[in-house]
C-alpha atoms as a PDB file:
ATOM      1  CA  MET A   1     -40.428 -33.046 -26.888  1.00  0.00           C
ATOM      2  CA  ASN A   2     -42.980 -32.268 -24.222  1.00  0.00           C
ATOM      3  CA  SER A   3     -42.190 -28.925 -22.622  1.00  0.00           C
ATOM      4  CA  ASN A   4     -44.192 -29.885 -19.536  1.00  0.00           C
ATOM      5  CA  MET A   5     -41.931 -32.828 -18.744  1.00  0.00           C
ATOM      6  CA  GLN A   6     -39.689 -32.257 -15.789  1.00  0.00           C
ATOM      7  CA  ILE A   7     -36.719 -34.351 -14.795  1.00  0.00           C
ATOM      8  CA  ILE A   8     -36.673 -34.682 -11.047  1.00  0.00           C
ATOM      9  CA  ILE A   9     -33.565 -36.028  -9.362  1.00  0.00           C
ATOM     10  CA  LEU A  10     -34.162 -37.079  -5.795  1.00  0.00           C
ATOM     11  CA  THR A  11     -31.715 -38.082  -3.129  1.00  0.00           C
ATOM     12  CA  GLY A  12     -32.190 -41.314  -1.205  1.00  0.00           C
ATOM     13  CA  LYS A  13     -33.653 -39.503   1.803  1.00  0.00           C
ATOM     14  CA  GLU A  14     -36.161 -37.575  -0.313  1.00  0.00           C
ATOM     15  CA  LYS A  15     -37.267 -40.764  -2.082  1.00  0.00           C
ATOM     16  CA  ALA A  16     -37.701 -42.544   1.244  1.00  0.00           C
ATOM     17  CA  SER A  17     -39.790 -39.731   2.733  1.00  0.00           C
ATOM     18  CA  ILE A  18     -42.009 -39.513  -0.363  1.00  0.00           C
ATOM     19  CA  ILE A  19     -42.559 -43.282  -0.429  1.00  0.00           C
ATOM     20  CA  GLN A  20     -43.290 -43.230   3.308  1.00  0.00           C
ATOM     21  CA  SER A  21     -45.890 -40.456   2.982  1.00  0.00           C
ATOM     22  CA  VAL A  22     -47.544 -42.178   0.006  1.00  0.00           C
ATOM     23  CA  ARG A  23     -47.777 -45.445   1.945  1.00  0.00           C
ATOM     24  CA  ALA A  24     -49.228 -43.608   4.949  1.00  0.00           C
ATOM     25  CA  ASN A  25     -51.909 -42.013   2.741  1.00  0.00           C
ATOM     26  CA  ILE A  26     -52.761 -45.368   1.154  1.00  0.00           C
ATOM     27  CA  ASN A  27     -53.032 -46.997   4.572  1.00  0.00           C
ATOM     28  CA  LYS A  28     -55.311 -44.173   5.733  1.00  0.00           C
ATOM     29  CA  LEU A  29     -57.602 -44.620   2.718  1.00  0.00           C
ATOM     30  CA  LEU A  30     -57.711 -48.389   3.185  1.00  0.00           C
ATOM     31  CA  TYR A  31     -58.534 -47.915   6.866  1.00  0.00           C
ATOM     32  CA  LEU A  32     -61.385 -45.509   6.087  1.00  0.00           C
ATOM     33  CA  HIS A  33     -62.664 -47.835   3.368  1.00  0.00           C
ATOM     34  CA  ASN A  34     -62.632 -50.810   5.757  1.00  0.00           C
ATOM     35  CA  GLN A  35     -64.421 -48.795   8.446  1.00  0.00           C
ATOM     36  CA  MET A  36     -67.181 -47.925   5.987  1.00  0.00           C
ATOM     37  CA  GLN A  37     -67.457 -51.538   4.836  1.00  0.00           C
ATOM     38  CA  LYS A  38     -67.927 -52.626   8.455  1.00  0.00           C
ATOM     39  CA  LYS A  39     -70.794 -50.190   8.908  1.00  0.00           C
ATOM     40  CA  LYS A  40     -72.481 -51.679   5.816  1.00  0.00           C
ATOM     41  CA  GLN A  41     -74.252 -48.463   4.968  1.00  0.00           C
ATOM     42  CA  ASN A  42     -76.419 -48.419   1.863  1.00  0.00           C
ATOM     43  CA  ARG A  43     -74.924 -45.122   0.765  1.00  0.00           C
ATOM     44  CA  CYS A  44     -71.160 -45.127   1.067  1.00  0.00           C
ATOM     45  CA  LYS A  45     -69.175 -42.121  -0.036  1.00  0.00           C
ATOM     46  CA  MET A  46     -65.438 -42.382  -0.308  1.00  0.00           C
ATOM     47  CA  VAL A  47     -63.785 -39.333   1.201  1.00  0.00           C
ATOM     48  CA  PHE A  48     -60.304 -38.531   0.016  1.00  0.00           C
ATOM     49  CA  LEU A  49     -58.511 -36.336   2.501  1.00  0.00           C
END
């Protein structure tokens, strides 16, 4: 048994808010990535906020 394992029980509202925030972060990263692709810079650095 792994002592570091934690069982997390979330309510529907908590799950929804977590999924929503994850999607928002993914959309932000995709947006930044697309903006950098449009600029077509030779040196692109991905910035994770």
